[in-house]
Protein backbone atom coordinates (compact mmCIF):
# COMPACT_ATOMS: atom_id res chain seq x y z
CA MET A 1 29.87 12.69 -35.06
CA ALA A 2 30.84 9.21 -35.82
CA VAL A 3 33.02 8.73 -32.35
CA LEU A 4 29.44 10.03 -30.69
CA VAL A 5 27.46 7.68 -32.40
CA ILE A 6 30.06 4.79 -31.86
CA THR A 7 30.32 5.71 -27.96
CA LEU A 8 26.32 5.91 -27.89
CA ALA A 9 26.19 2.41 -29.34
CA ALA A 10 28.90 0.75 -27.28
CA GLY A 11 26.82 2.13 -24.30
CA ALA A 12 23.67 0.58 -25.37
CA LEU A 13 25.63 -2.90 -25.76
CA VAL A 14 26.94 -2.32 -21.97
CA CYS A 15 23.60 -1.36 -21.24
CA SER A 16 21.85 -4.85 -22.38
CA VAL A 17 24.43 -6.75 -21.02
CA LEU A 18 23.52 -5.09 -17.57
CA THR A 19 19.80 -5.88 -18.34
CA LEU A 20 20.40 -9.48 -18.68
CA LEU A 21 22.45 -9.68 -15.37
CA ALA A 22 19.57 -7.29 -13.77
CA ALA A 23 17.01 -9.75 -14.78
CA ARG A 24 19.19 -12.85 -13.23
CA SER A 25 19.99 -10.89 -9.90
CA TYR A 26 15.95 -10.32 -9.48
CA ARG A 27 14.95 -14.00 -10.54
CA ARG A 28 17.37 -14.97 -7.84
CA GLN A 29 15.15 -13.41 -4.94
CA PHE A 30 12.86 -15.69 -3.34
CA PRO A 31 9.74 -14.86 -1.22
CA PRO A 32 10.16 -15.60 2.44
CA ARG A 33 7.78 -18.10 3.86
CA LEU A 34 4.38 -16.23 5.28
CA GLU A 35 4.58 -16.67 9.20
CA ARG A 36 2.24 -13.98 10.63
CA ALA A 37 -0.74 -12.96 8.35
CA THR A 38 -0.75 -9.02 8.78
CA PRO A 39 -4.41 -7.14 8.35
CA ILE A 40 -4.14 -5.28 5.13
CA SER A 41 -6.15 -2.22 3.46
CA ILE A 42 -6.52 -2.21 -0.11
CA LEU A 43 -6.95 1.57 -1.64
CA LYS A 44 -8.29 1.82 -4.96
CA PRO A 45 -8.92 5.13 -6.68
CA LEU A 46 -11.71 4.80 -9.12
CA ALA A 47 -12.59 7.38 -12.27
CA GLY A 48 -15.06 5.72 -14.57
CA VAL A 49 -15.06 2.28 -16.18
CA ASP A 50 -11.97 1.34 -17.54
CA GLU A 51 -11.89 -1.98 -19.62
CA GLY A 52 -11.62 -4.83 -17.62
CA LEU A 53 -12.73 -2.86 -14.65
CA GLU A 54 -14.98 -5.52 -12.99
CA GLU A 55 -12.50 -8.34 -13.22
CA ASN A 56 -9.59 -6.25 -11.99
CA LEU A 57 -11.51 -5.51 -8.70
CA ARG A 58 -12.59 -9.03 -8.72
CA SER A 59 -9.10 -10.24 -8.43
CA PHE A 60 -8.98 -8.19 -5.03
CA PHE A 61 -12.34 -9.53 -3.56
CA LEU A 62 -10.94 -13.06 -4.52
CA GLN A 63 -7.44 -12.62 -2.28
CA ASP A 64 -6.72 -15.69 -0.51
CA TYR A 65 -5.90 -13.92 2.73
CA PRO A 66 -7.54 -14.26 6.10
CA GLU A 67 -7.88 -10.72 6.80
CA PHE A 68 -8.14 -7.57 4.69
CA GLU A 69 -10.40 -4.77 3.53
CA ILE A 70 -11.09 -3.07 0.34
CA LEU A 71 -11.40 0.84 0.12
CA CYS A 72 -12.50 2.44 -3.15
CA ALA A 73 -12.61 6.27 -4.01
CA VAL A 74 -14.71 8.29 -6.30
CA ARG A 75 -15.07 11.98 -6.75
CA GLU A 76 -18.91 11.81 -6.91
CA ALA A 77 -21.78 9.22 -6.21
CA GLY A 78 -22.57 9.14 -9.64
CA ASP A 79 -19.59 7.67 -11.17
CA PRO A 80 -20.23 4.70 -13.42
CA ALA A 81 -17.45 2.76 -11.13
CA VAL A 82 -19.89 3.04 -8.45
CA VAL A 83 -22.35 0.27 -9.71
CA VAL A 84 -19.34 -2.03 -10.52
CA PHE A 85 -18.18 -1.85 -7.05
CA GLU A 86 -21.51 -2.17 -5.75
CA LYS A 87 -22.44 -5.58 -7.64
CA LEU A 88 -19.06 -7.01 -6.29
CA ARG A 89 -19.78 -5.99 -2.76
CA ARG A 90 -23.02 -7.50 -3.00
CA GLU A 91 -21.25 -10.78 -4.66
CA TYR A 92 -18.60 -11.07 -1.79
CA PRO A 93 -20.30 -9.94 1.08
CA ARG A 94 -17.50 -11.59 3.60
CA VAL A 95 -15.33 -9.17 2.03
CA PRO A 96 -15.21 -5.93 4.05
CA ALA A 97 -15.30 -3.37 1.60
CA ARG A 98 -16.37 0.53 1.69
CA LEU A 99 -16.91 3.41 -0.85
CA ILE A 100 -15.87 6.86 -0.25
CA VAL A 101 -17.05 9.72 -2.09
CA THR A 102 -14.33 12.34 -1.96
CA GLY A 103 -15.87 15.39 -3.90
CA GLU A 104 -13.52 17.48 -6.16
CA PRO A 105 -9.78 17.42 -5.20
CA PRO A 106 -8.42 20.79 -3.72
CA TYR A 107 -5.11 20.43 -5.57
CA ALA A 108 -3.43 18.95 -8.99
CA ASN A 109 -2.94 15.32 -8.09
CA ALA A 110 -6.30 13.86 -7.73
CA LYS A 111 -5.12 10.32 -7.13
CA VAL A 112 -3.22 11.63 -4.20
CA PHE A 113 -6.31 13.14 -2.75
CA SER A 114 -8.28 9.94 -2.91
CA LEU A 115 -5.71 7.87 -1.28
CA ASP A 116 -5.06 10.63 1.49
CA ARG A 117 -8.96 10.06 2.22
CA MET A 118 -8.80 6.24 2.07
CA LEU A 119 -5.92 6.47 4.56
CA ALA A 120 -7.74 8.21 7.16
CA ALA A 121 -10.65 5.48 6.48
CA ALA A 122 -8.30 2.49 6.35
CA ARG A 123 -8.59 0.28 9.57
CA TYR A 124 -5.28 -1.62 9.02
CA ASP A 125 -1.70 -0.14 8.94
CA LEU A 126 -0.29 -2.29 6.21
CA LEU A 127 -1.52 -0.63 2.71
CA VAL A 128 -1.83 -1.90 -0.73
CA MET A 129 -2.18 1.00 -3.08
CA SER A 130 -3.45 0.02 -6.35
CA ASP A 131 -4.66 2.01 -9.59
CA SER A 132 -8.06 0.51 -11.21
CA ASP A 133 -6.41 -0.96 -14.28
CA MET A 134 -4.55 -3.85 -12.16
CA ARG A 135 -5.43 -7.39 -12.10
CA VAL A 136 -3.81 -9.77 -9.69
CA GLU A 137 -3.22 -13.33 -8.65
CA PRO A 138 -4.97 -14.78 -5.56
CA GLN A 139 -1.78 -15.12 -3.73
CA MET A 140 -0.87 -11.67 -4.08
CA LEU A 141 -1.51 -10.40 -0.30
CA ARG A 142 0.30 -13.47 0.93
CA GLN A 143 3.44 -12.75 -1.24
CA VAL A 144 3.95 -8.98 0.16
CA ALA A 145 2.83 -9.69 3.68
CA ALA A 146 5.69 -12.13 3.78
CA GLU A 147 7.94 -9.37 2.47
CA PHE A 148 6.90 -6.72 5.23
CA GLN A 149 7.57 -9.53 8.19
CA ASP A 150 10.85 -7.47 7.54
CA GLU A 151 10.34 -4.92 10.24
CA ARG A 152 13.02 -2.66 8.19
CA LEU A 153 10.80 -2.38 5.38
CA GLY A 154 8.94 0.27 4.87
CA LEU A 155 7.99 0.28 0.91
CA ALA A 156 7.61 -2.31 -1.68
CA THR A 157 6.58 -1.50 -5.42
CA CYS A 158 5.44 -4.45 -7.75
CA PRO A 159 6.55 -4.76 -11.16
CA TYR A 160 4.01 -5.17 -13.44
CA ARG A 161 3.13 -7.29 -17.23
CA ALA A 162 1.26 -4.84 -19.17
CA VAL A 163 -1.78 -6.80 -21.05
CA PRO A 164 -3.03 -4.64 -23.87
CA GLY A 165 -6.72 -4.13 -25.06
CA ARG A 166 -8.00 -4.58 -28.50
CA SER A 167 -6.21 -1.46 -30.09
CA PHE A 168 -2.69 -1.76 -32.01
CA TRP A 169 -1.17 1.29 -30.26
CA SER A 170 -1.98 -0.48 -26.72
CA VAL A 171 -0.30 -3.44 -27.81
CA LEU A 172 2.93 -1.63 -28.82
CA GLU A 173 2.58 0.18 -25.55
CA ALA A 174 2.72 -3.45 -23.65
CA ILE A 175 5.64 -4.41 -25.76
CA TYR A 176 7.56 -0.97 -24.61
CA ILE A 177 6.75 -1.72 -20.81
CA ASN A 178 7.45 -5.17 -20.83
CA THR A 179 11.02 -5.32 -22.52
CA GLU A 180 12.32 -1.57 -22.37
CA PHE A 181 10.65 0.17 -19.36
CA LEU A 182 11.00 -2.48 -16.97
CA ALA A 183 14.65 -3.08 -18.10
CA GLY A 184 15.27 0.14 -17.00
CA VAL A 185 13.58 -0.35 -13.50
CA LEU A 186 15.89 -3.84 -13.10
CA VAL A 187 19.27 -2.00 -14.24
CA ALA A 188 18.26 0.68 -11.50
CA ARG A 189 17.79 -1.79 -8.58
CA MET A 190 20.49 -3.72 -9.41
CA VAL A 191 23.12 -0.62 -10.07
CA GLU A 192 21.85 1.45 -7.08
CA GLY A 193 19.06 0.03 -5.23
CA VAL A 194 15.45 0.47 -5.09
CA LYS A 195 15.41 4.42 -4.66
CA PHE A 196 11.67 4.90 -6.33
CA ALA A 197 8.47 3.53 -6.66
CA LEU A 198 6.10 2.35 -9.59
CA GLY A 199 2.56 3.84 -9.17
CA PRO A 200 0.44 0.92 -10.41
CA THR A 201 0.82 -0.98 -7.03
CA ILE A 202 2.70 -0.03 -3.98
CA VAL A 203 2.45 -1.33 -0.28
CA ALA A 204 3.32 0.74 2.15
CA ARG A 205 3.37 0.87 6.05
CA ARG A 206 1.32 3.42 7.45
CA ALA A 207 4.20 4.38 9.95
CA THR A 208 6.04 5.28 6.62
CA LEU A 209 3.75 7.37 4.92
CA GLU A 210 3.64 9.34 8.28
CA ALA A 211 7.25 9.97 8.80
CA LEU A 212 7.49 11.23 5.41
CA GLY A 213 4.93 13.80 6.38
CA GLY A 214 1.72 11.70 5.01
CA LEU A 215 0.32 11.86 1.62
CA GLU A 216 -0.20 15.48 1.26
CA ARG A 217 3.54 15.73 1.01
CA PHE A 218 3.13 14.43 -2.46
CA LYS A 219 -0.15 16.46 -3.72
CA GLU A 220 1.76 18.93 -6.10
CA TYR A 221 3.99 16.15 -7.74
CA LEU A 222 3.16 14.32 -11.21
CA ALA A 223 5.28 11.26 -10.29
CA GLU A 224 4.01 11.15 -7.04
CA ASP A 225 5.13 7.23 -6.82
CA PHE A 226 8.64 8.21 -7.93
CA VAL A 227 8.96 11.01 -5.28
CA MET A 228 7.39 8.76 -2.63
CA GLY A 229 10.17 5.91 -2.83
CA LYS A 230 13.01 8.31 -3.32
CA LEU A 231 11.96 10.25 -0.19
CA ALA A 232 11.51 6.72 1.94
CA ALA A 233 14.54 5.51 0.75
CA GLU A 234 16.67 8.71 1.72
CA ALA A 235 14.73 8.38 5.15
CA GLY A 236 16.49 5.29 5.96
CA TRP A 237 13.54 2.79 5.27
CA GLY A 238 13.82 -0.19 3.24
CA VAL A 239 12.56 0.07 -0.25
CA ILE A 240 12.20 -3.05 -2.74
CA LEU A 241 11.07 -4.17 -5.67
CA SER A 242 8.29 -6.88 -4.59
CA SER A 243 8.83 -10.29 -6.08
CA CYS A 244 5.32 -10.14 -6.70
CA VAL A 245 4.45 -9.35 -10.16
CA VAL A 246 1.01 -8.02 -11.13
CA GLU A 247 -0.96 -7.31 -14.47
CA HIS A 248 -1.38 -3.75 -15.78
CA ARG A 249 -4.47 -3.64 -17.98
CA ILE A 250 -3.40 -0.94 -20.08
CA GLY A 251 -6.87 -0.68 -22.19
CA SER A 252 -7.66 -0.10 -25.57
CA GLN A 253 -6.10 3.69 -26.45
CA GLN A 254 -6.46 4.83 -30.03
CA LEU A 255 -3.30 6.72 -31.47
CA ALA A 256 -3.87 10.19 -30.40
CA GLU A 257 -4.72 9.26 -26.79
CA ASN A 258 -1.94 6.60 -26.63
CA LEU A 259 0.49 9.29 -27.68
CA ARG A 260 -1.11 11.74 -25.16
CA HIS A 261 -0.45 8.97 -22.38
CA ARG A 262 2.83 8.00 -23.49
CA LEU A 263 4.31 11.83 -23.83
CA ARG A 264 2.92 12.49 -20.52
CA TRP A 265 4.76 10.00 -18.95
CA ALA A 266 7.86 10.88 -21.03
CA ARG A 267 7.68 14.49 -19.63
CA SER A 268 6.80 13.49 -16.29
CA THR A 269 9.89 11.27 -16.05
CA ARG A 270 12.08 14.16 -17.68
CA ARG A 271 10.92 16.38 -14.91
CA SER A 272 11.61 13.71 -11.98
CA ARG A 273 14.72 12.24 -13.29
CA PRO A 274 16.22 14.47 -15.67
CA TYR A 275 19.76 12.07 -15.70
CA GLY A 276 17.97 8.90 -15.81
CA TYR A 277 15.39 10.44 -18.56
CA LEU A 278 18.99 11.00 -20.59
CA GLY A 279 20.03 7.28 -20.23
CA GLN A 280 17.03 5.98 -21.46
CA VAL A 281 18.62 6.26 -24.73
CA PHE A 282 21.17 3.24 -23.80
CA LEU A 283 17.86 0.81 -23.29
CA ASN A 284 16.70 1.28 -26.92
CA PRO A 285 19.78 -0.20 -29.14
CA LEU A 286 17.63 -0.65 -32.24
CA PRO A 287 17.56 2.78 -33.46
CA LEU A 288 21.31 3.62 -32.49
CA ALA A 289 21.79 0.18 -34.64
CA LEU A 290 20.22 1.97 -37.50
CA ILE A 291 21.66 5.32 -36.94
CA VAL A 292 24.93 3.20 -37.24
CA LEU A 293 24.05 1.37 -40.27
CA VAL A 294 23.31 4.25 -42.17
CA GLY A 295 26.09 6.60 -41.22
CA ILE A 296 28.83 4.00 -40.79
CA PRO A 297 27.92 1.11 -43.06
CA ALA A 298 31.38 -0.38 -42.19
CA CYS A 299 30.59 -0.53 -38.60
CA TRP A 300 27.67 -3.14 -39.64
CA PRO A 301 29.21 -5.85 -37.57
CA LEU A 302 28.34 -3.16 -34.37
CA ALA A 303 24.88 -2.79 -35.73
CA LEU A 304 24.05 -6.53 -35.67
CA ALA A 305 25.71 -6.88 -31.91
CA MET A 306 23.58 -4.46 -31.11
CA ALA A 307 20.34 -6.01 -32.38
CA VAL A 308 20.99 -9.13 -30.97
CA ALA A 309 21.90 -7.64 -27.52
CA ARG A 310 18.59 -6.02 -28.16
CA ALA A 311 16.75 -9.40 -28.75
CA VAL A 312 18.30 -11.04 -25.77
CA ALA A 313 17.69 -8.26 -23.27
CA ALA A 314 14.21 -8.25 -24.21
CA TRP A 315 13.97 -12.02 -23.63
CA ALA A 316 15.52 -11.72 -20.45
CA VAL A 317 12.82 -9.23 -19.47
CA ALA A 318 9.27 -10.08 -21.01
CA GLY A 319 10.14 -13.92 -21.05
CA TRP A 320 12.51 -14.69 -17.80
CA VAL A 321 11.03 -12.16 -15.76
CA LEU A 322 7.40 -11.47 -16.31
CA ARG A 323 6.36 -14.48 -18.50
CA ASP A 324 4.70 -12.38 -20.91
CA PRO A 325 3.11 -14.54 -23.64
CA LEU A 326 2.50 -10.96 -25.45
CA THR A 327 6.08 -10.53 -26.89
CA ALA A 328 6.88 -14.06 -27.26
CA ARG A 329 3.88 -14.23 -29.54
CA ARG A 330 4.41 -11.16 -31.52
CA TRP A 331 8.08 -10.69 -31.10
CA TYR A 332 8.41 -8.98 -34.60
CA LEU A 333 6.63 -6.09 -33.61
CA VAL A 334 9.58 -5.08 -30.99
CA PRO A 335 11.57 -3.22 -33.80
CA LEU A 336 8.66 -0.97 -34.83
CA GLN A 337 8.17 -0.04 -31.20
CA ASP A 338 11.51 0.62 -30.70
CA LEU A 339 11.15 3.37 -33.27
CA ALA A 340 8.18 4.81 -31.98
CA SER A 341 9.55 4.58 -28.55
CA PHE A 342 12.89 6.46 -29.47
CA ALA A 343 10.49 9.09 -31.23
CA ILE A 344 8.62 9.58 -28.32
CA TRP A 345 11.88 9.85 -26.08
CA LEU A 346 13.00 12.58 -28.11
CA ALA A 347 9.61 14.59 -28.00
CA GLY A 348 9.57 14.37 -24.32
CA PHE A 349 12.27 16.70 -24.29
CA PHE A 350 10.09 19.49 -25.76
CA GLY A 351 6.84 20.89 -23.78
CA ASN A 352 5.87 21.61 -20.29
CA THR A 353 2.20 20.78 -20.39
CA ILE A 354 0.39 17.39 -19.88
CA THR A 355 -3.24 16.14 -20.58
CA TRP A 356 -4.62 13.92 -18.03
CA ARG A 357 -8.31 12.86 -17.70
CA GLY A 358 -9.64 15.80 -19.62
CA ARG A 359 -7.70 18.30 -17.78
CA ARG A 360 -4.58 20.28 -18.80
CA TYR A 361 -1.81 20.54 -16.24
CA TYR A 362 1.63 22.84 -16.59
CA LEU A 363 4.91 20.86 -15.26
CA HIS A 364 7.24 22.31 -13.35
CA ARG A 365 11.19 21.69 -13.31
CA ASP A 366 11.17 19.92 -10.02
CA GLY A 367 8.22 17.72 -10.96
CA ARG A 368 5.41 19.58 -9.60
CA PHE A 369 2.17 20.38 -11.67
CA GLU A 370 -0.72 22.62 -11.71
CA LEU A 371 -4.07 22.93 -13.34
CA VAL A 372 -4.27 25.09 -16.25
CA GLY A 373 -7.59 24.24 -17.63
CA PRO A 374 -9.72 21.83 -19.60
CA ALA A 375 -7.72 19.66 -22.28
């Protein structure tokens, strides 16, 4: 057992070093200069009024870009998000904006259904698919359009900086995203290239999606973003982690809701990337350091080294890459978040059901999922 613990600890130290190198590698990429402004269609699925929805949507209406349109989709015309959308459409009449009422989705992934309906109505061939809880800077479209001047590029995924709501649990989750989750993304990018996508904001060519069989190909997958990036890379399209960092406004979930959300994420990752899920243990060295300290007290220098390595890796990701003020201000919560993350990671190995927007789903081994009934 002692050999196993020390081996895991050594792996975590190596992973922390890789995180630092991966952050440096990402920081060294510079977006090209925009030479031609390709028209862009922004596709945004909506469902209810998320915390900060109006300002999130407003940030897309305020894009400093010559030609773009915004399409939003809701299941039914009475969705409260429609009021927010119509207010902004009146406020910015020069921005072409349309609302699509999709009706009930005929398959499990309602987001994919909404995106597919909007794609059919979209005028342009460069697409930004973005969740309702994303907020962006006015130059966002310029940055991604500059990257897509490379004709070989088929899909880009935007890294995101999590911004919590008012709840303590959303603060812990934001610190997790900004220090641990993105660390894994950066290391994967450096070690094997980008063979995935991150769902909150994906930029893609229409031709890429069509070559993959259209959005309906992803209708049965919970982690449709990961599968989309994976299949695009396998088909020979260029897939990148964009230089454009966006904001993920995660809201103010209380403990029970937050745990269900994070457990859904964990189980989805376990099904989509089983080996990657196992490897997450190396991204979180503090719980391993605690195990070393309690189980093998003589190895306290190793535990100390792991704690220092975690601090440096967290700074590299949250501070250097994301410029995250939350982690800089509340760094003392990182150890608590790491323990919570480790517990959720362990729990993610068990169970095959998830809850999502008031519905319960069964998650299959290959990452597909199906509706079971109300939560």
